[in-house]
Amino acid sequence: MPLARSLSMTSLNGLLQCEDEDLPVEDLLLFEISWEVTNKVGGIYTVIQTKAKTTADEWGENYFLIGPYFEHNVKTQVEFSEPPNPAVKKAMDTMKSQGCQLSSQFDDKPNIIAHFHEWQAGVGLILSRSQKLPVATIFTTHATLLGRYLCAASIDFYNNLDQFDIDKEAGERQIYHRYCMERASVHCAHVFTTVSQITATEAEHMLKKSPDVVTPNGLNIKKFSAMHEFQNLHSMYKARIQEFIRGHFYGHLDFDLDKTLFFFIAGRYEFSNKGADMFLEALSRLNFLLRVHKADVTVIVFFIMPAKTNNFNVETLKGQAVRKQLWDTAQSVKEKFGRKLYNALLKGEIPDLNKILDRDDISIMKRAIFSTQRHSLPPVTTHNMIDDSNDPILNTIRRIGLFNNRTDRVKVILHPEFLSSTSPLLPLDYEEFVRGCHLGVFPSYYEPWGYTPAECTVMGIPSVTTNLSGFGCFMQEHVADPEAYGIYIVDRRFRSPDESCNQLTQFLYGFCQQNRRQRIIQRNRTERLSDLLDWKYLGRYYMHARHLALSRTFPDKFEMEPSAPPKTEGFRFPRPSSVPPSPSVSQHSSPHHSEAEDEDEDERYDEDEEAERDRQNIKSPFSLGALPQGKKKQHGEYRN
């Protein structure tokens, strides 16, 4: 087995935090409007929720969020209070008295910024511009409406961006009116933004306008005081997942759980857009490779994608009941055994192990073993699917033959519900589940940003993404060797589907070849990248968009250089000094690998020394999205 050389990834405290662009926020009001304010539909909810704290710290009581009123969401996520700003209070009183008709006749007119997300909120932007209200407007599209529909139809989207008849395509898909609202919002806004460079290219063709600012999505990063703490969480939640596996595969548990890896894919049930089709094909090829090479590794893959179901699968519930019964039996026998052993030792005797278990104990254990007998294969899905004969995931599983046979080294579990800590099957929240897994796999074809791999990164879990996702492009731009940091980027833009699938298979197979120590070190590296995704740094893109909108709306009050880039200085993460440039894993000094070689390598590894060498290899701060000035770095310059 190849031995990857290692490096501890202690956090770099060098990224500059975002600073206010000298906006007089005390004289401004910022409104952010979205259908997903306190209303979880997709990733926009996460954007607004996680960004709220950073924005509130900057704007204080002059920051307001506007969203739809749903009683069940208001009860759990909203605290009622009187608006602190007199202008806003007057507006709300006017709305109440006139049936939600807003009057803008204020004695003290503050400068207002209104930031609208997606076409649902765009109506307010269009009306505010048509009525010539003195409001600086920003419109953000997180994914173009037509782009999502075209990709869902399995069209070669990115290679034909300039070939589509936009109006015709929108009309055929019966979304023409929504598309017109989206396009009108884009062209009416003072500033148009989107979340990634790949979506900026898409918007240029679908909406006929290039974004003024690209605003990458971030997260609130909670750093642990000690590096080992998030590794401990991984071990704890992995044990919880292993308990579920013991029940789900009862009667077929002929693989070593200590040599079992947990992969997962999660998100909306968009079979092609989210890359579930390619992932399943790659799993079939991975299963073949592991069987041919007689690997002792087992891979269990979870599909966490909500679909229509009747209820829990009876066989799945039975598995968890059998597991619990076996545990209770083992605890009962252990207690009885321990009591007899304790009494014998008190008497100064060595107990006869042949007599310490009586006939009743043997009978109890035989009945327990008998209860684990199973004449059917472990179920592929945990729930009873509605119309399972037309379910794309299940149909693909039937085609490739991954039925959880004993000989399969890749097992598949479809969990068609969002995870919950109250579930009788897998009582884990999504974050806990992710921490317990080894690898997140998201080979999306259409993913304007991609919060799922980003969430994996901040939790220190390696992930697979693509160069058609905003997250993948962001990491390619800011990390010199993403694979060394646990970010595997599949090329789905410039390769054929079969070549992309082979590349994904090689990523998965290479990950399976890593030993436990290599995975631990890679998780340390992955968690270190979380600094790049912190709103403390990415929030400056939004600051720049607001300043740009104000300078365009109120040029007499706010001045700004039209071409001035946002202040987004940070680090470009280099290739870790302990990782060879190519291939990503080192070769052994002798033809025959041995455990002794592992031990020697552990002795040579100095965590602090390697981390310090890595710091010295880091470039000077530079502007994200712009190349640094000066000498062009030659290939291999950061090698050690």
Foldseek 3Di string as FASTA:
>chain_A
DFFFFFFFFDFDPPFDFDDFPPDPLVLEAEEEEEQLPLNDDACVVQQCVFCVVVVCVVNPLRYYYDHDDDPVSCVPPNDDDQRPDPQVNVQVVVCVVVVHDGDNDDPRHGAYEYEYEALVRLVVLLVCVVVVPLHQYEYEYAAQPLVVVCVLVVDLPPVCLQPDPQQVSCVVVVNNVSNVSRLSSQVSHLFYEYAFPLRQVNCCRNSVDGGLFHFHGFGAFDDDPDLCPLVVLQVVLLVLVVLLVQLLFQQLPPADSVQEAEEEEEDEPSCAQQPVLLVLVLLLVLQVVCLVVVPSHAYEYEYAYAADFDWFDPSSLVSSVLSVVLVVLVVVVVVQLVVLCVVQVVVVHDDDPVPSDDPVNVVSVVVSSVSRNDDDGRQQEGGHHDPLVPRVNSVSCVVSVQGRDSSGSYHHYYYNHQADLPDPRRNDHPLSNLSNGAEYEGAGQAAAADVPCLSSLLSLHAYEYEPSHRPLVLLVQQEADVVQLRYHYFYPPPDDSVVSSVSVSVSVNVVSPHDPVSSSSSSSSSNNCSVVRHCSQSVQSVSVSSLSSCCSSPVVVGDDDSPDDGQRWGWRQYRQQSADPPPRTDRDPDPDDDVVSVVVSVVVDDHVVSNVLRVVLIDDIDHPPDDDDDDDDDPPPSYD
